[in-house]
Amino acid sequence: MGLYSARREAATTARYDHFQPEEALRRHQVIAEKLRIAPKKVRARALRNLKRMRKHCTSENSRFLDRWLLLLHCSPNHLIEVMTSVTQEGHDLRRYSPFDGVLTKAELLAVSAAAQTRWTVSPPDEPAEPNDA
């Protein structure tokens, strides 16, 4: 692997290392809603992104891109089921999502803000023990 390839792979890996699984799941749930409303438009965008992503894919992520290609040609219900799944496959696929540009900046900010709120709110206090009177 050349120096440029190594740097590109390191940058790609670093890009996804900060990835928050819960936020990614929520993003894909919002994308799923758009997919239900405008499946052709969302799929077309994802297929264009997938084509671009293939130009820079590594051996690690090529299998995920292959899987996305298959899923994008499945029924919308099956695609939604897999992309919003809480399984390891769902998690792994969301790390290499081809849906960049499907959500507006406002939608992305809303998902991110909701995730930040969820992560920064401390858990409620333990319920008090009932009094034995």
Protein backbone atom coordinates (compact mmCIF):
# COMPACT_ATOMS: atom_id res chain seq x y z
CA MET A 1 0.00 0.00 0.00
CA GLY A 2 1.44 3.38 -0.99
CA LEU A 3 1.74 6.32 1.36
CA TYR A 4 -1.22 8.09 -0.25
CA SER A 5 -3.40 4.98 0.07
CA ALA A 6 -2.35 4.50 3.68
CA ARG A 7 -3.21 8.12 4.50
CA ARG A 8 -6.56 7.90 2.72
CA GLU A 9 -7.42 4.67 4.56
CA ALA A 10 -6.36 6.20 7.89
CA ALA A 11 -8.48 9.28 7.18
CA THR A 12 -11.46 7.13 6.24
CA THR A 13 -11.06 5.06 9.38
CA ALA A 14 -10.68 8.18 11.54
CA ARG A 15 -13.82 9.62 9.97
CA TYR A 16 -15.85 6.68 11.21
CA ASP A 17 -14.10 6.16 14.55
CA HIS A 18 -15.97 9.10 16.06
CA PHE A 19 -19.23 7.70 14.72
CA GLN A 20 -21.92 7.43 17.34
CA PRO A 21 -24.02 4.31 16.70
CA GLU A 22 -27.19 5.71 18.28
CA GLU A 23 -26.96 8.91 16.25
CA ALA A 24 -26.30 6.93 13.07
CA LEU A 25 -29.35 4.76 13.78
CA ARG A 26 -31.53 7.81 14.31
CA ARG A 27 -30.22 9.39 11.09
CA HIS A 28 -31.11 6.26 9.18
CA GLN A 29 -34.57 6.18 10.76
CA VAL A 30 -35.14 9.70 9.40
CA ILE A 31 -33.73 8.62 6.00
CA ALA A 32 -36.15 5.67 6.11
CA GLU A 33 -39.06 8.11 6.38
CA LYS A 34 -37.81 9.92 3.29
CA LEU A 35 -37.38 6.58 1.56
CA ARG A 36 -41.04 5.77 2.23
CA ILE A 37 -42.11 9.10 0.72
CA ALA A 38 -39.75 9.31 -2.28
CA PRO A 39 -38.04 5.94 -2.82
CA LYS A 40 -36.79 6.66 -6.34
CA LYS A 41 -35.20 9.97 -5.38
CA VAL A 42 -33.50 8.60 -2.24
CA ARG A 43 -32.24 5.49 -4.03
CA ALA A 44 -30.90 7.52 -6.96
CA ARG A 45 -28.94 9.70 -4.55
CA ALA A 46 -27.58 6.67 -2.69
CA LEU A 47 -26.56 4.94 -5.93
CA ARG A 48 -24.70 8.07 -7.11
CA ASN A 49 -22.94 8.27 -3.75
CA LEU A 50 -22.11 4.57 -3.88
CA LYS A 51 -20.49 5.01 -7.28
CA ARG A 52 -18.37 7.87 -5.90
CA MET A 53 -17.51 5.89 -2.75
CA ARG A 54 -16.26 2.96 -4.82
CA LYS A 55 -13.51 5.15 -6.25
CA HIS A 56 -12.01 5.45 -2.77
CA CYS A 57 -13.01 2.15 -1.20
CA THR A 58 -10.62 -0.03 0.71
CA SER A 59 -10.60 -3.77 1.07
CA GLU A 60 -12.30 -3.31 4.46
CA ASN A 61 -15.27 -1.32 3.25
CA SER A 62 -15.80 -2.82 -0.22
CA ARG A 63 -17.94 -5.62 1.19
CA PHE A 64 -20.23 -3.09 2.84
CA LEU A 65 -20.55 -1.14 -0.39
CA ASP A 66 -21.38 -4.40 -2.19
CA ARG A 67 -24.09 -5.10 0.40
CA TRP A 68 -25.53 -1.59 0.02
CA LEU A 69 -25.70 -2.07 -3.74
CA LEU A 70 -27.74 -5.24 -3.28
CA LEU A 71 -29.99 -3.62 -0.69
CA LEU A 72 -30.68 -0.59 -2.88
CA HIS A 73 -32.21 -2.95 -5.43
CA CYS A 74 -34.45 -4.69 -2.87
CA SER A 75 -37.93 -3.62 -1.84
CA PRO A 76 -38.08 -0.38 0.17
CA ASN A 77 -39.42 -2.32 3.17
CA HIS A 78 -36.47 -4.72 3.17
CA LEU A 79 -33.98 -1.89 2.71
CA ILE A 80 -35.53 0.02 5.60
CA GLU A 81 -35.59 -3.07 7.78
CA VAL A 82 -31.87 -3.70 7.29
CA MET A 83 -30.67 -0.09 7.44
CA THR A 84 -32.52 0.53 10.72
CA SER A 85 -31.72 -2.85 12.24
CA VAL A 86 -29.99 -2.91 15.62
CA THR A 87 -28.03 -5.99 14.55
CA GLN A 88 -24.28 -5.99 13.96
CA GLU A 89 -24.93 -5.91 10.21
CA GLY A 90 -27.11 -2.81 10.59
CA HIS A 91 -24.45 -1.11 12.70
CA ASP A 92 -21.67 -2.00 10.25
CA LEU A 93 -23.64 -0.84 7.22
CA ARG A 94 -24.46 2.51 8.83
CA ARG A 95 -20.72 3.13 9.22
CA TYR A 96 -20.42 3.10 5.41
CA SER A 97 -23.75 4.66 4.51
CA PRO A 98 -24.33 5.90 0.95
CA PHE A 99 -27.10 8.29 2.03
CA ASP A 100 -24.96 11.42 2.29
CA GLY A 101 -26.98 14.43 1.14
CA VAL A 102 -30.41 12.83 1.66
CA LEU A 103 -31.04 14.74 4.88
CA THR A 104 -31.07 18.51 4.98
CA LYS A 105 -28.69 20.39 7.24
CA ALA A 106 -31.61 21.18 9.55
CA GLU A 107 -32.53 17.49 9.79
CA LEU A 108 -28.94 16.53 10.55
CA LEU A 109 -28.69 19.21 13.23
CA ALA A 110 -31.96 18.04 14.80
CA VAL A 111 -30.73 14.44 14.96
CA SER A 112 -27.40 15.55 16.37
CA ALA A 113 -29.02 17.83 18.96
CA ALA A 114 -31.36 15.05 20.07
CA ALA A 115 -28.42 12.69 20.41
CA GLN A 116 -26.39 15.24 22.38
CA THR A 117 -29.31 15.81 24.74
CA ARG A 118 -29.69 12.10 25.26
CA TRP A 119 -25.98 11.64 25.96
CA THR A 120 -25.61 14.58 28.33
CA VAL A 121 -28.71 14.14 30.46
CA SER A 122 -27.90 12.30 33.64
CA PRO A 123 -30.10 9.37 34.64
CA PRO A 124 -32.94 10.04 37.04
CA ASP A 125 -32.37 9.51 40.73
CA GLU A 126 -33.12 6.10 42.15
CA PRO A 127 -36.71 5.86 43.33
CA ALA A 128 -37.07 6.25 47.05
CA GLU A 129 -37.64 3.15 49.11
CA PRO A 130 -41.24 2.92 50.34
CA ASN A 131 -41.68 3.73 54.01
CA ASP A 132 -42.58 0.79 56.21
CA ALA A 133 -45.04 2.36 58.58
